[in-house]
Amino acid sequence: MDRGDIPRSERDGARRELRDLVLGLSSAAILTALSFAVVIFKPVGHGWMLGGLGLLAIVQIAAQFRFFLHIDLRKSHRDDLQLILFTALVVSLMVAGSICILFDQHARMM
C-alpha cells in the first residue's frame, strides 16, 4: 500500500497516536526512574520521601490515563473519567474498611 492511498486525516491521526504513545512511554519511564532514584539516593528525610513517592505515583497515574487510556477532560471522555473515579472510590472504601477491621482485630487480640 502506497502512502498516497491513505487519506491525509488518517495519516495525521496515526502520527498523533504514535506521538502520544512515545510521550506516554517516555514520561512513564522518567517517572519510574525518578521514583527509584528517590528510594536509592534518599535525598530527603523519610516522611518527605514517602510524600514525594506518593506525588510521583499520582503523576504516573495521570500520565497513564492521558496517554494510554486516552482519558482527558474533554466532554466526550468525562463519562469514562467518572467511571474510573467511582471505581477508585469503591476500591478505596474496601481497602480502608479491610484495614480498619484488621486493626480492630489486632487490638482485640492484644
PDB file of N, CA and C in Angstrom:
ATOM      1  N   MET A   1       0.845  -1.171   0.000  1.00  0.00           N
ATOM      2  CA  MET A   1       0.000   0.000   0.000  1.00  0.00           C
ATOM      3  C   MET A   1       0.891   1.236   0.000  1.00  0.00           C
ATOM      4  N   ASP A   2       0.624   2.147  -0.866  1.00  0.00           N
ATOM      5  CA  ASP A   2       1.418   3.360  -1.010  1.00  0.00           C
ATOM      6  C   ASP A   2       0.879   4.439  -0.080  1.00  0.00           C
ATOM      7  N   ARG A   3       1.762   5.344   0.328  1.00  0.00           N
ATOM      8  CA  ARG A   3       1.335   6.432   1.209  1.00  0.00           C
ATOM      9  C   ARG A   3       0.266   7.294   0.561  1.00  0.00           C
ATOM     10  N   GLY A   4       0.258   7.344  -0.730  1.00  0.00           N
ATOM     11  CA  GLY A   4      -0.745   8.139  -1.432  1.00  0.00           C
ATOM     12  C   GLY A   4      -2.138   7.563  -1.311  1.00  0.00           C
ATOM     13  N   ASP A   5      -2.242   6.262  -1.005  1.00  0.00           N
ATOM     14  CA  ASP A   5      -3.543   5.612  -0.879  1.00  0.00           C
ATOM     15  C   ASP A   5      -4.238   5.947   0.448  1.00  0.00           C
ATOM     16  N   ILE A   6      -3.466   6.320   1.468  1.00  0.00           N
ATOM     17  CA  ILE A   6      -4.026   6.603   2.782  1.00  0.00           C
ATOM     18  C   ILE A   6      -4.431   8.069   2.844  1.00  0.00           C
ATOM     19  N   PRO A   7      -5.673   8.355   3.256  1.00  0.00           N
ATOM     20  CA  PRO A   7      -6.100   9.755   3.361  1.00  0.00           C
ATOM     21  C   PRO A   7      -5.252  10.516   4.382  1.00  0.00           C
ATOM     22  N   ARG A   8      -5.097  11.804   4.130  1.00  0.00           N
ATOM     23  CA  ARG A   8      -4.245  12.651   4.975  1.00  0.00           C
ATOM     24  C   ARG A   8      -4.729  12.678   6.428  1.00  0.00           C
ATOM     25  N   SER A   9      -6.046  12.698   6.635  1.00  0.00           N
ATOM     26  CA  SER A   9      -6.565  12.752   8.004  1.00  0.00           C
ATOM     27  C   SER A   9      -6.193  11.488   8.789  1.00  0.00           C
ATOM     28  N   GLU A  10      -6.200  10.324   8.129  1.00  0.00           N
ATOM     29  CA  GLU A  10      -5.813   9.089   8.808  1.00  0.00           C
ATOM     30  C   GLU A  10      -4.328   9.078   9.118  1.00  0.00           C
ATOM     31  N   ARG A  11      -3.504   9.599   8.188  1.00  0.00           N
ATOM     32  CA  ARG A  11      -2.064   9.681   8.457  1.00  0.00           C
ATOM     33  C   ARG A  11      -1.792  10.599   9.624  1.00  0.00           C
ATOM     34  N   ASP A  12      -2.491  11.746   9.688  1.00  0.00           N
ATOM     35  CA  ASP A  12      -2.297  12.675  10.798  1.00  0.00           C
ATOM     36  C   ASP A  12      -2.753  12.053  12.111  1.00  0.00           C
ATOM     37  N   GLY A  13      -3.859  11.316  12.087  1.00  0.00           N
ATOM     38  CA  GLY A  13      -4.342  10.646  13.289  1.00  0.00           C
ATOM     39  C   GLY A  13      -3.361   9.578  13.763  1.00  0.00           C
ATOM     40  N   ALA A  14      -2.814   8.816  12.830  1.00  0.00           N
ATOM     41  CA  ALA A  14      -1.841   7.781  13.197  1.00  0.00           C
ATOM     42  C   ALA A  14      -0.563   8.417  13.739  1.00  0.00           C
ATOM     43  N   ARG A  15      -0.154   9.518  13.151  1.00  0.00           N
ATOM     44  CA  ARG A  15       1.050  10.225  13.622  1.00  0.00           C
ATOM     45  C   ARG A  15       0.812  10.791  15.021  1.00  0.00           C
ATOM     46  N   ARG A  16      -0.364  11.339  15.244  1.00  0.00           N
ATOM     47  CA  ARG A  16      -0.703  11.884  16.564  1.00  0.00           C
ATOM     48  C   ARG A  16      -0.767  10.762  17.602  1.00  0.00           C
ATOM     49  N   GLU A  17      -1.326   9.622  17.226  1.00  0.00           N
ATOM     50  CA  GLU A  17      -1.397   8.469  18.123  1.00  0.00           C
ATOM     51  C   GLU A  17       0.006   7.968  18.483  1.00  0.00           C
ATOM     52  N   LEU A  18       0.874   7.863  17.491  1.00  0.00           N
ATOM     53  CA  LEU A  18       2.241   7.425  17.741  1.00  0.00           C
ATOM     54  C   LEU A  18       2.978   8.411  18.643  1.00  0.00           C
ATOM     55  N   ARG A  19       2.759   9.708  18.412  1.00  0.00           N
ATOM     56  CA  ARG A  19       3.390  10.728  19.254  1.00  0.00           C
ATOM     57  C   ARG A  19       2.918  10.609  20.693  1.00  0.00           C
ATOM     58  N   ASP A  20       1.625  10.380  20.903  1.00  0.00           N
ATOM     59  CA  ASP A  20       1.090  10.221  22.259  1.00  0.00           C
ATOM     60  C   ASP A  20       1.669   8.983  22.938  1.00  0.00           C
ATOM     61  N   LEU A  21       1.795   7.880  22.194  1.00  0.00           N
ATOM     62  CA  LEU A  21       2.349   6.666  22.778  1.00  0.00           C
ATOM     63  C   LEU A  21       3.818   6.846  23.164  1.00  0.00           C
ATOM     64  N   VAL A  22       4.587   7.519  22.314  1.00  0.00           N
ATOM     65  CA  VAL A  22       6.000   7.759  22.626  1.00  0.00           C
ATOM     66  C   VAL A  22       6.124   8.694  23.827  1.00  0.00           C
ATOM     67  N   LEU A  23       5.307   9.744  23.869  1.00  0.00           N
ATOM     68  CA  LEU A  23       5.327  10.645  25.028  1.00  0.00           C
ATOM     69  C   LEU A  23       4.915   9.914  26.303  1.00  0.00           C
ATOM     70  N   GLY A  24       3.914   9.061  26.217  1.00  0.00           N
ATOM     71  CA  GLY A  24       3.479   8.294  27.378  1.00  0.00           C
ATOM     72  C   GLY A  24       4.550   7.336  27.862  1.00  0.00           C
ATOM     73  N   LEU A  25       5.195   6.636  26.937  1.00  0.00           N
ATOM     74  CA  LEU A  25       6.249   5.708  27.315  1.00  0.00           C
ATOM     75  C   LEU A  25       7.430   6.435  27.945  1.00  0.00           C
ATOM     76  N   SER A  26       7.825   7.552  27.343  1.00  0.00           N
ATOM     77  CA  SER A  26       8.963   8.295  27.900  1.00  0.00           C
ATOM     78  C   SER A  26       8.624   8.908  29.255  1.00  0.00           C
ATOM     79  N   SER A  27       7.413   9.444  29.410  1.00  0.00           N
ATOM     80  CA  SER A  27       7.054  10.016  30.711  1.00  0.00           C
ATOM     81  C   SER A  27       6.942   8.930  31.777  1.00  0.00           C
ATOM     82  N   ALA A  28       6.408   7.759  31.429  1.00  0.00           N
ATOM     83  CA  ALA A  28       6.327   6.662  32.390  1.00  0.00           C
ATOM     84  C   ALA A  28       7.721   6.188  32.785  1.00  0.00           C
ATOM     85  N   ALA A  29       8.626   6.090  31.822  1.00  0.00           N
ATOM     86  CA  ALA A  29       9.997   5.653  32.132  1.00  0.00           C
ATOM     87  C   ALA A  29      10.712   6.674  33.014  1.00  0.00           C
ATOM     88  N   ILE A  30      10.545   7.960  32.721  1.00  0.00           N
ATOM     89  CA  ILE A  30      11.195   9.004  33.513  1.00  0.00           C
ATOM     90  C   ILE A  30      10.646   9.025  34.934  1.00  0.00           C
ATOM     91  N   LEU A  31       9.328   8.937  35.078  1.00  0.00           N
ATOM     92  CA  LEU A  31       8.730   8.944  36.415  1.00  0.00           C
ATOM     93  C   LEU A  31       9.129   7.712  37.218  1.00  0.00           C
ATOM     94  N   THR A  32       9.241   6.572  36.561  1.00  0.00           N
ATOM     95  CA  THR A  32       9.679   5.357  37.246  1.00  0.00           C
ATOM     96  C   THR A  32      11.136   5.491  37.682  1.00  0.00           C
ATOM     97  N   ALA A  33      11.979   6.027  36.796  1.00  0.00           N
ATOM     98  CA  ALA A  33      13.387   6.229  37.146  1.00  0.00           C
ATOM     99  C   ALA A  33      13.527   7.217  38.304  1.00  0.00           C
ATOM    100  N   LEU A  34      12.716   8.266  38.308  1.00  0.00           N
ATOM    101  CA  LEU A  34      12.746   9.222  39.419  1.00  0.00           C
ATOM    102  C   LEU A  34      12.347   8.562  40.735  1.00  0.00           C
ATOM    103  N   SER A  35      11.341   7.704  40.692  1.00  0.00           N
ATOM    104  CA  SER A  35      10.911   7.005  41.900  1.00  0.00           C
ATOM    105  C   SER A  35      12.033   6.122  42.440  1.00  0.00           C
ATOM    106  N   PHE A  36      12.685   5.368  41.564  1.00  0.00           N
ATOM    107  CA  PHE A  36      13.802   4.538  42.001  1.00  0.00           C
ATOM    108  C   PHE A  36      14.945   5.391  42.532  1.00  0.00           C
ATOM    109  N   ALA A  37      15.220   6.526  41.879  1.00  0.00           N
ATOM    110  CA  ALA A  37      16.305   7.400  42.328  1.00  0.00           C
ATOM    111  C   ALA A  37      16.027   7.964  43.712  1.00  0.00           C
ATOM    112  N   VAL A  38      14.785   8.328  43.976  1.00  0.00           N
ATOM    113  CA  VAL A  38      14.426   8.859  45.298  1.00  0.00           C
ATOM    114  C   VAL A  38      14.668   7.801  46.369  1.00  0.00           C
ATOM    115  N   VAL A  39      14.323   6.552  46.085  1.00  0.00           N
ATOM    116  CA  VAL A  39      14.495   5.488  47.074  1.00  0.00           C
ATOM    117  C   VAL A  39      15.971   5.129  47.248  1.00  0.00           C
ATOM    118  N   ILE A  40      16.708   5.070  46.154  1.00  0.00           N
ATOM    119  CA  ILE A  40      18.105   4.646  46.232  1.00  0.00           C
ATOM    120  C   ILE A  40      18.981   5.712  46.886  1.00  0.00           C
ATOM    121  N   PHE A  41      18.854   6.974  46.444  1.00  0.00           N
ATOM    122  CA  PHE A  41      19.760   8.023  46.911  1.00  0.00           C
ATOM    123  C   PHE A  41      19.297   8.721  48.186  1.00  0.00           C
ATOM    124  N   LYS A  42      18.015   8.565  48.551  1.00  0.00           N
ATOM    125  CA  LYS A  42      17.452   9.165  49.771  1.00  0.00           C
ATOM    126  C   LYS A  42      17.855  10.642  49.936  1.00  0.00           C
ATOM    127  N   PRO A  43      17.445  11.509  49.024  1.00  0.00           N
ATOM    128  CA  PRO A  43      17.866  12.913  49.089  1.00  0.00           C
ATOM    129  C   PRO A  43      17.207  13.706  50.217  1.00  0.00           C
ATOM    130  N   VAL A  44      16.101  13.211  50.753  1.00  0.00           N
ATOM    131  CA  VAL A  44      15.375  13.911  51.827  1.00  0.00           C
ATOM    132  C   VAL A  44      15.033  12.915  52.920  1.00  0.00           C
ATOM    133  N   GLY A  45      14.418  13.405  53.986  1.00  0.00           N
ATOM    134  CA  GLY A  45      14.015  12.554  55.094  1.00  0.00           C
ATOM    135  C   GLY A  45      12.942  11.551  54.701  1.00  0.00           C
ATOM    136  N   HIS A  46      12.686  10.618  55.610  1.00  0.00           N
ATOM    137  CA  HIS A  46      11.762   9.524  55.338  1.00  0.00           C
ATOM    138  C   HIS A  46      10.345  10.010  55.022  1.00  0.00           C
ATOM    139  N   GLY A  47       9.842  10.956  55.819  1.00  0.00           N
ATOM    140  CA  GLY A  47       8.485  11.461  55.588  1.00  0.00           C
ATOM    141  C   GLY A  47       8.353  12.183  54.257  1.00  0.00           C
ATOM    142  N   TRP A  48       9.353  13.010  53.948  1.00  0.00           N
ATOM    143  CA  TRP A  48       9.313  13.728  52.670  1.00  0.00           C
ATOM    144  C   TRP A  48       9.473  12.763  51.506  1.00  0.00           C
ATOM    145  N   MET A  49      10.256  11.717  51.709  1.00  0.00           N
ATOM    146  CA  MET A  49      10.454  10.735  50.647  1.00  0.00           C
ATOM    147  C   MET A  49       9.140  10.025  50.332  1.00  0.00           C
ATOM    148  N   LEU A  50       8.388   9.642  51.365  1.00  0.00           N
ATOM    149  CA  LEU A  50       7.092   8.995  51.122  1.00  0.00           C
ATOM    150  C   LEU A  50       6.123   9.937  50.416  1.00  0.00           C
ATOM    151  N   GLY A  51       6.128  11.204  50.825  1.00  0.00           N
ATOM    152  CA  GLY A  51       5.274  12.184  50.152  1.00  0.00           C
ATOM    153  C   GLY A  51       5.661  12.372  48.692  1.00  0.00           C
ATOM    154  N   GLY A  52       6.959  12.438  48.427  1.00  0.00           N
ATOM    155  CA  GLY A  52       7.434  12.574  47.050  1.00  0.00           C
ATOM    156  C   GLY A  52       7.085  11.378  46.201  1.00  0.00           C
ATOM    157  N   LEU A  53       7.215  10.185  46.776  1.00  0.00           N
ATOM    158  CA  LEU A  53       6.843   8.978  46.046  1.00  0.00           C
ATOM    159  C   LEU A  53       5.341   8.941  45.763  1.00  0.00           C
ATOM    160  N   GLY A  54       4.549   9.397  46.734  1.00  0.00           N
ATOM    161  CA  GLY A  54       3.103   9.473  46.508  1.00  0.00           C
ATOM    162  C   GLY A  54       2.763  10.436  45.381  1.00  0.00           C
ATOM    163  N   LEU A  55       3.435  11.587  45.374  1.00  0.00           N
ATOM    164  CA  LEU A  55       3.214  12.567  44.310  1.00  0.00           C
ATOM    165  C   LEU A  55       3.631  12.014  42.949  1.00  0.00           C
ATOM    166  N   LEU A  56       4.798  11.353  42.898  1.00  0.00           N
ATOM    167  CA  LEU A  56       5.231  10.745  41.644  1.00  0.00           C
ATOM    168  C   LEU A  56       4.256   9.662  41.180  1.00  0.00           C
ATOM    169  N   ALA A  57       3.667   8.924  42.119  1.00  0.00           N
ATOM    170  CA  ALA A  57       2.685   7.895  41.761  1.00  0.00           C
ATOM    171  C   ALA A  57       1.423   8.517  41.162  1.00  0.00           C
ATOM    172  N   ILE A  58       0.979   9.623  41.745  1.00  0.00           N
ATOM    173  CA  ILE A  58      -0.216  10.294  41.217  1.00  0.00           C
ATOM    174  C   ILE A  58       0.040  10.851  39.818  1.00  0.00           C
ATOM    175  N   VAL A  59       1.217  11.429  39.618  1.00  0.00           N
ATOM    176  CA  VAL A  59       1.566  11.938  38.285  1.00  0.00           C
ATOM    177  C   VAL A  59       1.667  10.782  37.294  1.00  0.00           C
ATOM    178  N   GLN A  60       2.211   9.652  37.737  1.00  0.00           N
ATOM    179  CA  GLN A  60       2.308   8.471  36.880  1.00  0.00           C
ATOM    180  C   GLN A  60       0.917   7.976  36.472  1.00  0.00           C
ATOM    181  N   ILE A  61      -0.025   7.952  37.409  1.00  0.00           N
ATOM    182  CA  ILE A  61      -1.397   7.538  37.106  1.00  0.00           C
ATOM    183  C   ILE A  61      -2.033   8.498  36.095  1.00  0.00           C
ATOM    184  N   ALA A  62      -1.817   9.801  36.303  1.00  0.00           N
ATOM    185  CA  ALA A  62      -2.367  10.786  35.363  1.00  0.00           C
ATOM    186  C   ALA A  62      -1.775  10.607  33.971  1.00  0.00           C
ATOM    187  N   ALA A  63      -0.485  10.330  33.896  1.00  0.00           N
ATOM    188  CA  ALA A  63       0.148  10.110  32.589  1.00  0.00           C
ATOM    189  C   ALA A  63      -0.403   8.848  31.926  1.00  0.00           C
ATOM    190  N   GLN A  64      -0.597   7.794  32.708  1.00  0.00           N
ATOM    191  CA  GLN A  64      -1.164   6.557  32.155  1.00  0.00           C
ATOM    192  C   GLN A  64      -2.579   6.798  31.616  1.00  0.00           C
ATOM    193  N   PHE A  65      -3.391   7.515  32.408  1.00  0.00           N
ATOM    194  CA  PHE A  65      -4.746   7.828  31.951  1.00  0.00           C
ATOM    195  C   PHE A  65      -4.722   8.649  30.676  1.00  0.00           C
ATOM    196  N   ARG A  66      -3.894   9.649  30.626  1.00  0.00           N
ATOM    197  CA  ARG A  66      -3.885  10.577  29.487  1.00  0.00           C
ATOM    198  C   ARG A  66      -3.348   9.916  28.222  1.00  0.00           C
ATOM    199  N   PHE A  67      -2.188   9.277  28.306  1.00  0.00           N
ATOM    200  CA  PHE A  67      -1.520   8.813  27.095  1.00  0.00           C
ATOM    201  C   PHE A  67      -1.937   7.419  26.648  1.00  0.00           C
ATOM    202  N   PHE A  68      -2.257   6.523  27.566  1.00  0.00           N
ATOM    203  CA  PHE A  68      -2.561   5.154  27.169  1.00  0.00           C
ATOM    204  C   PHE A  68      -4.045   4.846  27.181  1.00  0.00           C
ATOM    205  N   LEU A  69      -4.791   5.388  28.150  1.00  0.00           N
ATOM    206  CA  LEU A  69      -6.228   5.154  28.191  1.00  0.00           C
ATOM    207  C   LEU A  69      -7.020   6.242  27.488  1.00  0.00           C
ATOM    208  N   HIS A  70      -6.343   7.299  27.071  1.00  0.00           N
ATOM    209  CA  HIS A  70      -6.952   8.428  26.353  1.00  0.00           C
ATOM    210  C   HIS A  70      -8.098   9.058  27.145  1.00  0.00           C
ATOM    211  N   ILE A  71      -7.903   9.188  28.455  1.00  0.00           N
ATOM    212  CA  ILE A  71      -8.881   9.837  29.322  1.00  0.00           C
ATOM    213  C   ILE A  71      -8.396  11.252  29.566  1.00  0.00           C
ATOM    214  N   ASP A  72      -9.201  12.218  29.186  1.00  0.00           N
ATOM    215  CA  ASP A  72      -8.862  13.614  29.456  1.00  0.00           C
ATOM    216  C   ASP A  72     -10.128  14.337  29.897  1.00  0.00           C
ATOM    217  N   LEU A  73     -10.075  15.647  29.961  1.00  0.00           N
ATOM    218  CA  LEU A  73     -11.206  16.407  30.498  1.00  0.00           C
ATOM    219  C   LEU A  73     -12.174  16.892  29.415  1.00  0.00           C
ATOM    220  N   ARG A  74     -12.032  16.413  28.214  1.00  0.00           N
ATOM    221  CA  ARG A  74     -12.996  16.783  27.179  1.00  0.00           C
ATOM    222  C   ARG A  74     -14.358  16.180  27.497  1.00  0.00           C
ATOM    223  N   LYS A  75     -15.380  16.814  27.031  1.00  0.00           N
ATOM    224  CA  LYS A  75     -16.744  16.415  27.381  1.00  0.00           C
ATOM    225  C   LYS A  75     -17.051  14.969  26.979  1.00  0.00           C
ATOM    226  N   SER A  76     -16.509  14.505  25.865  1.00  0.00           N
ATOM    227  CA  SER A  76     -16.807  13.155  25.405  1.00  0.00           C
ATOM    228  C   SER A  76     -16.172  12.080  26.282  1.00  0.00           C
ATOM    229  N   HIS A  77     -15.131  12.435  27.040  1.00  0.00           N
ATOM    230  CA  HIS A  77     -14.439  11.443  27.864  1.00  0.00           C
ATOM    231  C   HIS A  77     -14.763  11.570  29.346  1.00  0.00           C
ATOM    232  N   ARG A  78     -15.628  12.485  29.704  1.00  0.00           N
ATOM    233  CA  ARG A  78     -15.941  12.687  31.123  1.00  0.00           C
ATOM    234  C   ARG A  78     -16.650  11.486  31.731  1.00  0.00           C
ATOM    235  N   ASP A  79     -17.465  10.787  30.955  1.00  0.00           N
ATOM    236  CA  ASP A  79     -18.144   9.599  31.480  1.00  0.00           C
ATOM    237  C   ASP A  79     -17.131   8.524  31.862  1.00  0.00           C
ATOM    238  N   ASP A  80     -16.116   8.330  31.012  1.00  0.00           N
ATOM    239  CA  ASP A  80     -15.074   7.356  31.331  1.00  0.00           C
ATOM    240  C   ASP A  80     -14.328   7.760  32.591  1.00  0.00           C
ATOM    241  N   LEU A  81     -14.029   9.048  32.721  1.00  0.00           N
ATOM    242  CA  LEU A  81     -13.319   9.536  33.901  1.00  0.00           C
ATOM    243  C   LEU A  81     -14.158   9.347  35.157  1.00  0.00           C
ATOM    244  N   GLN A  82     -15.454   9.620  35.077  1.00  0.00           N
ATOM    245  CA  GLN A  82     -16.333   9.423  36.238  1.00  0.00           C
ATOM    246  C   GLN A  82     -16.409   7.947  36.615  1.00  0.00           C
ATOM    247  N   LEU A  83     -16.438   7.065  35.636  1.00  0.00           N
ATOM    248  CA  LEU A  83     -16.457   5.632  35.910  1.00  0.00           C
ATOM    249  C   LEU A  83     -15.187   5.196  36.628  1.00  0.00           C
ATOM    250  N   ILE A  84     -14.043   5.692  36.179  1.00  0.00           N
ATOM    251  CA  ILE A  84     -12.765   5.343  36.806  1.00  0.00           C
ATOM    252  C   ILE A  84     -12.700   5.904  38.219  1.00  0.00           C
ATOM    253  N   LEU A  85     -13.146   7.140  38.414  1.00  0.00           N
ATOM    254  CA  LEU A  85     -13.118   7.733  39.748  1.00  0.00           C
ATOM    255  C   LEU A  85     -14.056   6.998  40.713  1.00  0.00           C
ATOM    256  N   PHE A  86     -15.219   6.592  40.245  1.00  0.00           N
ATOM    257  CA  PHE A  86     -16.142   5.839  41.095  1.00  0.00           C
ATOM    258  C   PHE A  86     -15.547   4.478  41.460  1.00  0.00           C
ATOM    259  N   THR A  87     -14.905   3.825  40.499  1.00  0.00           N
ATOM    260  CA  THR A  87     -14.253   2.549  40.779  1.00  0.00           C
ATOM    261  C   THR A  87     -13.151   2.727  41.809  1.00  0.00           C
ATOM    262  N   ALA A  88     -12.368   3.800  41.680  1.00  0.00           N
ATOM    263  CA  ALA A  88     -11.301   4.075  42.647  1.00  0.00           C
ATOM    264  C   ALA A  88     -11.892   4.327  44.033  1.00  0.00           C
ATOM    265  N   LEU A  89     -13.021   5.009  44.102  1.00  0.00           N
ATOM    266  CA  LEU A  89     -13.685   5.257  45.381  1.00  0.00           C
ATOM    267  C   LEU A  89     -14.132   3.952  46.028  1.00  0.00           C
ATOM    268  N   VAL A  90     -14.741   3.073  45.265  1.00  0.00           N
ATOM    269  CA  VAL A  90     -15.211   1.803  45.807  1.00  0.00           C
ATOM    270  C   VAL A  90     -14.034   0.956  46.284  1.00  0.00           C
ATOM    271  N   VAL A  91     -12.974   0.891  45.492  1.00  0.00           N
ATOM    272  CA  VAL A  91     -11.800   0.110  45.897  1.00  0.00           C
ATOM    273  C   VAL A  91     -11.170   0.719  47.143  1.00  0.00           C
ATOM    274  N   SER A  92     -11.081   2.045  47.215  1.00  0.00           N
ATOM    275  CA  SER A  92     -10.521   2.710  48.395  1.00  0.00           C
ATOM    276  C   SER A  92     -11.349   2.413  49.641  1.00  0.00           C
ATOM    277  N   LEU A  93     -12.669   2.439  49.509  1.00  0.00           N
ATOM    278  CA  LEU A  93     -13.528   2.109  50.647  1.00  0.00           C
ATOM    279  C   LEU A  93     -13.335   0.665  51.098  1.00  0.00           C
ATOM    280  N   MET A  94     -13.170  -0.241  50.156  1.00  0.00           N
ATOM    281  CA  MET A  94     -12.955  -1.636  50.515  1.00  0.00           C
ATOM    282  C   MET A  94     -11.618  -1.818  51.225  1.00  0.00           C
ATOM    283  N   VAL A  95     -10.568  -1.184  50.724  1.00  0.00           N
ATOM    284  CA  VAL A  95      -9.247  -1.300  51.349  1.00  0.00           C
ATOM    285  C   VAL A  95      -9.262  -0.661  52.733  1.00  0.00           C
ATOM    286  N   ALA A  96      -9.831   0.542  52.837  1.00  0.00           N
ATOM    287  CA  ALA A  96      -9.887   1.221  54.135  1.00  0.00           C
ATOM    288  C   ALA A  96     -10.706   0.417  55.138  1.00  0.00           C
ATOM    289  N   GLY A  97     -11.806  -0.152  54.725  1.00  0.00           N
ATOM    290  CA  GLY A  97     -12.617  -0.975  55.604  1.00  0.00           C
ATOM    291  C   GLY A  97     -11.876  -2.222  56.058  1.00  0.00           C
ATOM    292  N   SER A  98     -11.155  -2.844  55.139  1.00  0.00           N
ATOM    293  CA  SER A  98     -10.375  -4.032  55.500  1.00  0.00           C
ATOM    294  C   SER A  98      -9.283  -3.685  56.497  1.00  0.00           C
ATOM    295  N   ILE A  99      -8.601  -2.572  56.283  1.00  0.00           N
ATOM    296  CA  ILE A  99      -7.543  -2.150  57.212  1.00  0.00           C
ATOM    297  C   ILE A  99      -8.136  -1.827  58.577  1.00  0.00           C
ATOM    298  N   CYS A 100      -9.279  -1.174  58.601  1.00  0.00           N
ATOM    299  CA  CYS A 100      -9.948  -0.853  59.868  1.00  0.00           C
ATOM    300  C   CYS A 100     -10.318  -2.128  60.619  1.00  0.00           C
ATOM    301  N   ILE A 101     -10.852  -3.094  59.928  1.00  0.00           N
ATOM    302  CA  ILE A 101     -11.224  -4.366  60.556  1.00  0.00           C
ATOM    303  C   ILE A 101      -9.980  -5.081  61.083  1.00  0.00           C
ATOM    304  N   LEU A 102      -8.908  -5.082  60.306  1.00  0.00           N
ATOM    305  CA  LEU A 102      -7.679  -5.746  60.749  1.00  0.00           C
ATOM    306  C   LEU A 102      -7.089  -5.087  61.983  1.00  0.00           C
ATOM    307  N   PHE A 103      -7.082  -3.750  62.036  1.00  0.00           N
ATOM    308  CA  PHE A 103      -6.570  -3.062  63.220  1.00  0.00           C
ATOM    309  C   PHE A 103      -7.459  -3.339  64.437  1.00  0.00           C
ATOM    310  N   ASP A 104      -8.765  -3.404  64.229  1.00  0.00           N
ATOM    311  CA  ASP A 104      -9.668  -3.717  65.327  1.00  0.00           C
ATOM    312  C   ASP A 104      -9.410  -5.140  65.838  1.00  0.00           C
ATOM    313  N   GLN A 105      -9.220  -6.068  64.931  1.00  0.00           N
ATOM    314  CA  GLN A 105      -8.925  -7.441  65.341  1.00  0.00           C
ATOM    315  C   GLN A 105      -7.585  -7.514  66.067  1.00  0.00           C
ATOM    316  N   HIS A 106      -6.611  -6.770  65.606  1.00  0.00           N
ATOM    317  CA  HIS A 106      -5.303  -6.739  66.263  1.00  0.00           C
ATOM    318  C   HIS A 106      -5.432  -6.178  67.683  1.00  0.00           C
ATOM    319  N   ALA A 107      -6.219  -5.124  67.850  1.00  0.00           N
ATOM    320  CA  ALA A 107      -6.400  -4.533  69.167  1.00  0.00           C
ATOM    321  C   ALA A 107      -7.123  -5.511  70.100  1.00  0.00           C
ATOM    322  N   ARG A 108      -8.047  -6.282  69.583  1.00  0.00           N
ATOM    323  CA  ARG A 108      -8.771  -7.242  70.424  1.00  0.00           C
ATOM    324  C   ARG A 108      -7.881  -8.437  70.816  1.00  0.00           C
ATOM    325  N   MET A 109      -6.909  -8.738  69.995  1.00  0.00           N
ATOM    326  CA  MET A 109      -6.012  -9.857  70.294  1.00  0.00           C
ATOM    327  C   MET A 109      -4.973  -9.500  71.340  1.00  0.00           C
ATOM    328  N   MET A 110      -4.695  -8.226  71.506  1.00  0.00           N
ATOM    329  CA  MET A 110      -3.651  -7.811  72.449  1.00  0.00           C
ATOM    330  C   MET A 110      -4.170  -7.624  73.831  1.00  0.00           C
TER     331      MET A 110
END
